Amino acid sequence: MNKQAVKAIELATQLIQSYPVYPTTFSTCSSCKSKQAKGGMECTACLEDELSSIVGYQAAKDLHDEIKKLAGR
């Protein structure tokens, strides 16, 4: 199994989960310590940056933009 592919899927899933449908708690990002993140996990900027190291900047940005659009943001 390709570990990078699995990590990319995990990061994409976390990005999706960062735009909750129902009320949830937000706290400071566990990585950058400067932005808000769902449940105090990693913020969307950190997740996108980490994903871009695997799939490339443009693919990560395009995915995040689509997620935001679907979430109505």
N, C-alpha and C. Protein backbone atom coordinates (compact mmCIF):
# COMPACT_ATOMS: atom_id res chain seq x y z
N MET A 1 0.84 -1.18 0.00
CA MET A 1 0.00 0.00 0.00
C MET A 1 0.89 1.24 0.00
N ASN A 2 0.49 2.23 -0.75
CA ASN A 2 1.24 3.47 -0.86
C ASN A 2 0.92 4.37 0.33
N LYS A 3 1.92 4.57 1.20
CA LYS A 3 1.70 5.35 2.42
C LYS A 3 1.38 6.81 2.12
N GLN A 4 1.96 7.37 1.06
CA GLN A 4 1.66 8.75 0.71
C GLN A 4 0.21 8.91 0.24
N ALA A 5 -0.28 7.93 -0.49
CA ALA A 5 -1.67 7.98 -0.95
C ALA A 5 -2.63 7.92 0.24
N VAL A 6 -2.33 7.06 1.18
CA VAL A 6 -3.17 6.94 2.38
C VAL A 6 -3.14 8.24 3.17
N LYS A 7 -1.96 8.84 3.32
CA LYS A 7 -1.83 10.11 4.04
C LYS A 7 -2.60 11.21 3.32
N ALA A 8 -2.53 11.25 1.99
CA ALA A 8 -3.27 12.26 1.22
C ALA A 8 -4.77 12.11 1.43
N ILE A 9 -5.25 10.88 1.45
CA ILE A 9 -6.68 10.63 1.69
C ILE A 9 -7.07 11.07 3.09
N GLU A 10 -6.23 10.78 4.08
CA GLU A 10 -6.51 11.21 5.45
C GLU A 10 -6.58 12.73 5.55
N LEU A 11 -5.64 13.42 4.91
CA LEU A 11 -5.63 14.88 4.95
C LEU A 11 -6.85 15.47 4.24
N ALA A 12 -7.21 14.89 3.10
CA ALA A 12 -8.40 15.35 2.38
C ALA A 12 -9.65 15.16 3.24
N THR A 13 -9.73 14.04 3.92
CA THR A 13 -10.87 13.77 4.81
C THR A 13 -10.91 14.78 5.95
N GLN A 14 -9.75 15.10 6.52
CA GLN A 14 -9.70 16.09 7.60
C GLN A 14 -10.11 17.47 7.09
N LEU A 15 -9.73 17.80 5.87
CA LEU A 15 -10.15 19.08 5.29
C LEU A 15 -11.67 19.14 5.18
N ILE A 16 -12.27 18.07 4.70
CA ILE A 16 -13.73 18.00 4.58
C ILE A 16 -14.37 18.17 5.96
N GLN A 17 -13.83 17.47 6.95
CA GLN A 17 -14.39 17.52 8.30
C GLN A 17 -14.19 18.87 8.97
N SER A 18 -13.32 19.69 8.43
CA SER A 18 -13.07 21.02 8.99
C SER A 18 -14.19 22.00 8.71
N TYR A 19 -15.12 21.61 7.85
CA TYR A 19 -16.28 22.44 7.53
C TYR A 19 -17.54 21.71 8.00
N PRO A 20 -17.79 21.72 9.31
CA PRO A 20 -18.90 20.94 9.87
C PRO A 20 -20.27 21.46 9.45
N VAL A 21 -21.19 20.54 9.38
CA VAL A 21 -22.58 20.86 9.05
C VAL A 21 -23.31 21.31 10.31
N TYR A 22 -22.97 20.72 11.42
CA TYR A 22 -23.62 21.01 12.69
C TYR A 22 -22.69 21.81 13.59
N PRO A 23 -23.23 22.48 14.60
CA PRO A 23 -22.39 23.24 15.53
C PRO A 23 -21.32 22.36 16.17
N THR A 24 -20.17 22.93 16.35
CA THR A 24 -19.06 22.21 16.95
C THR A 24 -18.15 23.21 17.65
N THR A 25 -17.17 22.70 18.34
CA THR A 25 -16.22 23.58 19.03
C THR A 25 -15.01 23.86 18.15
N PHE A 26 -14.49 25.06 18.27
CA PHE A 26 -13.27 25.45 17.58
C PHE A 26 -12.27 25.94 18.61
N SER A 27 -11.01 25.72 18.33
CA SER A 27 -9.95 26.14 19.22
C SER A 27 -8.74 26.52 18.37
N THR A 28 -7.64 26.80 18.99
CA THR A 28 -6.43 27.15 18.26
C THR A 28 -5.83 25.92 17.58
N CYS A 29 -5.33 26.12 16.37
CA CYS A 29 -4.71 25.05 15.58
C CYS A 29 -3.57 24.40 16.38
N SER A 30 -3.53 23.09 16.34
CA SER A 30 -2.49 22.37 17.07
C SER A 30 -1.12 22.48 16.41
N SER A 31 -1.07 22.92 15.14
CA SER A 31 0.22 23.04 14.45
C SER A 31 0.75 24.47 14.47
N CYS A 32 0.02 25.40 13.85
CA CYS A 32 0.53 26.77 13.72
C CYS A 32 0.25 27.62 14.96
N LYS A 33 -0.69 27.20 15.77
CA LYS A 33 -1.04 27.91 17.01
C LYS A 33 -1.56 29.33 16.78
N SER A 34 -2.00 29.64 15.54
CA SER A 34 -2.45 31.01 15.29
C SER A 34 -3.85 31.08 14.69
N LYS A 35 -4.31 30.03 14.03
CA LYS A 35 -5.63 30.05 13.41
C LYS A 35 -6.56 29.11 14.15
N GLN A 36 -7.86 29.27 13.89
CA GLN A 36 -8.84 28.40 14.52
C GLN A 36 -8.96 27.09 13.76
N ALA A 37 -9.24 26.04 14.51
CA ALA A 37 -9.41 24.72 13.91
C ALA A 37 -10.53 23.99 14.64
N LYS A 38 -11.22 23.15 13.93
CA LYS A 38 -12.31 22.37 14.52
C LYS A 38 -11.74 21.48 15.62
N GLY A 39 -12.31 21.62 16.79
CA GLY A 39 -11.91 20.77 17.91
C GLY A 39 -10.46 20.89 18.31
N GLY A 40 -9.80 21.97 17.91
CA GLY A 40 -8.41 22.17 18.28
C GLY A 40 -7.44 21.30 17.50
N MET A 41 -7.89 20.74 16.39
CA MET A 41 -7.00 19.95 15.55
C MET A 41 -6.22 20.90 14.65
N GLU A 42 -5.84 20.49 13.45
CA GLU A 42 -5.11 21.37 12.55
C GLU A 42 -6.08 22.25 11.76
N CYS A 43 -5.67 23.50 11.50
CA CYS A 43 -6.51 24.41 10.72
C CYS A 43 -6.46 24.02 9.25
N THR A 44 -7.37 24.58 8.47
CA THR A 44 -7.44 24.24 7.06
C THR A 44 -6.17 24.66 6.31
N ALA A 45 -5.55 25.76 6.71
CA ALA A 45 -4.31 26.20 6.04
C ALA A 45 -3.19 25.19 6.26
N CYS A 46 -3.05 24.69 7.48
CA CYS A 46 -2.01 23.70 7.77
C CYS A 46 -2.30 22.38 7.05
N LEU A 47 -3.57 21.98 7.02
CA LEU A 47 -3.93 20.76 6.32
C LEU A 47 -3.64 20.88 4.83
N GLU A 48 -4.00 22.03 4.25
CA GLU A 48 -3.75 22.25 2.82
C GLU A 48 -2.24 22.25 2.53
N ASP A 49 -1.46 22.89 3.40
CA ASP A 49 0.00 22.91 3.22
C ASP A 49 0.59 21.50 3.27
N GLU A 50 0.14 20.73 4.23
CA GLU A 50 0.64 19.35 4.36
C GLU A 50 0.23 18.50 3.15
N LEU A 51 -1.01 18.67 2.70
CA LEU A 51 -1.48 17.93 1.53
C LEU A 51 -0.69 18.35 0.29
N SER A 52 -0.36 19.63 0.18
CA SER A 52 0.38 20.10 -1.00
C SER A 52 1.77 19.49 -1.08
N SER A 53 2.34 19.11 0.06
CA SER A 53 3.66 18.48 0.03
C SER A 53 3.59 17.08 -0.58
N ILE A 54 2.39 16.51 -0.66
CA ILE A 54 2.21 15.18 -1.24
C ILE A 54 1.71 15.26 -2.67
N VAL A 55 0.68 16.08 -2.90
CA VAL A 55 0.03 16.11 -4.22
C VAL A 55 0.38 17.34 -5.05
N GLY A 56 1.10 18.28 -4.48
CA GLY A 56 1.44 19.51 -5.18
C GLY A 56 0.51 20.64 -4.78
N TYR A 57 1.04 21.86 -4.91
CA TYR A 57 0.32 23.05 -4.46
C TYR A 57 -1.03 23.19 -5.16
N GLN A 58 -1.03 23.12 -6.48
CA GLN A 58 -2.26 23.41 -7.23
C GLN A 58 -3.35 22.38 -6.95
N ALA A 59 -3.01 21.11 -6.89
CA ALA A 59 -4.01 20.07 -6.62
C ALA A 59 -4.61 20.24 -5.22
N ALA A 60 -3.77 20.57 -4.23
CA ALA A 60 -4.26 20.76 -2.87
C ALA A 60 -5.16 21.99 -2.80
N LYS A 61 -4.76 23.08 -3.46
CA LYS A 61 -5.57 24.30 -3.47
C LYS A 61 -6.90 24.06 -4.18
N ASP A 62 -6.86 23.37 -5.31
CA ASP A 62 -8.10 23.08 -6.05
C ASP A 62 -9.06 22.25 -5.22
N LEU A 63 -8.54 21.23 -4.54
CA LEU A 63 -9.40 20.40 -3.68
C LEU A 63 -10.00 21.23 -2.57
N HIS A 64 -9.18 22.05 -1.91
CA HIS A 64 -9.69 22.87 -0.81
C HIS A 64 -10.73 23.86 -1.30
N ASP A 65 -10.50 24.44 -2.46
CA ASP A 65 -11.49 25.38 -3.02
C ASP A 65 -12.82 24.68 -3.30
N GLU A 66 -12.78 23.47 -3.81
CA GLU A 66 -14.00 22.70 -4.06
C GLU A 66 -14.73 22.36 -2.76
N ILE A 67 -13.98 22.00 -1.74
CA ILE A 67 -14.57 21.69 -0.44
C ILE A 67 -15.27 22.93 0.12
N LYS A 68 -14.60 24.08 0.05
CA LYS A 68 -15.19 25.32 0.53
C LYS A 68 -16.46 25.66 -0.25
N LYS A 69 -16.42 25.46 -1.55
CA LYS A 69 -17.58 25.76 -2.38
C LYS A 69 -18.77 24.85 -1.98
N LEU A 70 -18.50 23.59 -1.79
CA LEU A 70 -19.56 22.66 -1.39
C LEU A 70 -20.11 22.97 0.00
N ALA A 71 -19.23 23.50 0.86
CA ALA A 71 -19.64 23.86 2.22
C ALA A 71 -20.33 25.22 2.27
N GLY A 72 -20.37 25.91 1.12
CA GLY A 72 -21.01 27.22 1.08
C GLY A 72 -20.17 28.32 1.67
N ARG A 73 -18.88 28.20 1.57
CA ARG A 73 -17.97 29.22 2.14
C ARG A 73 -17.07 29.81 1.09
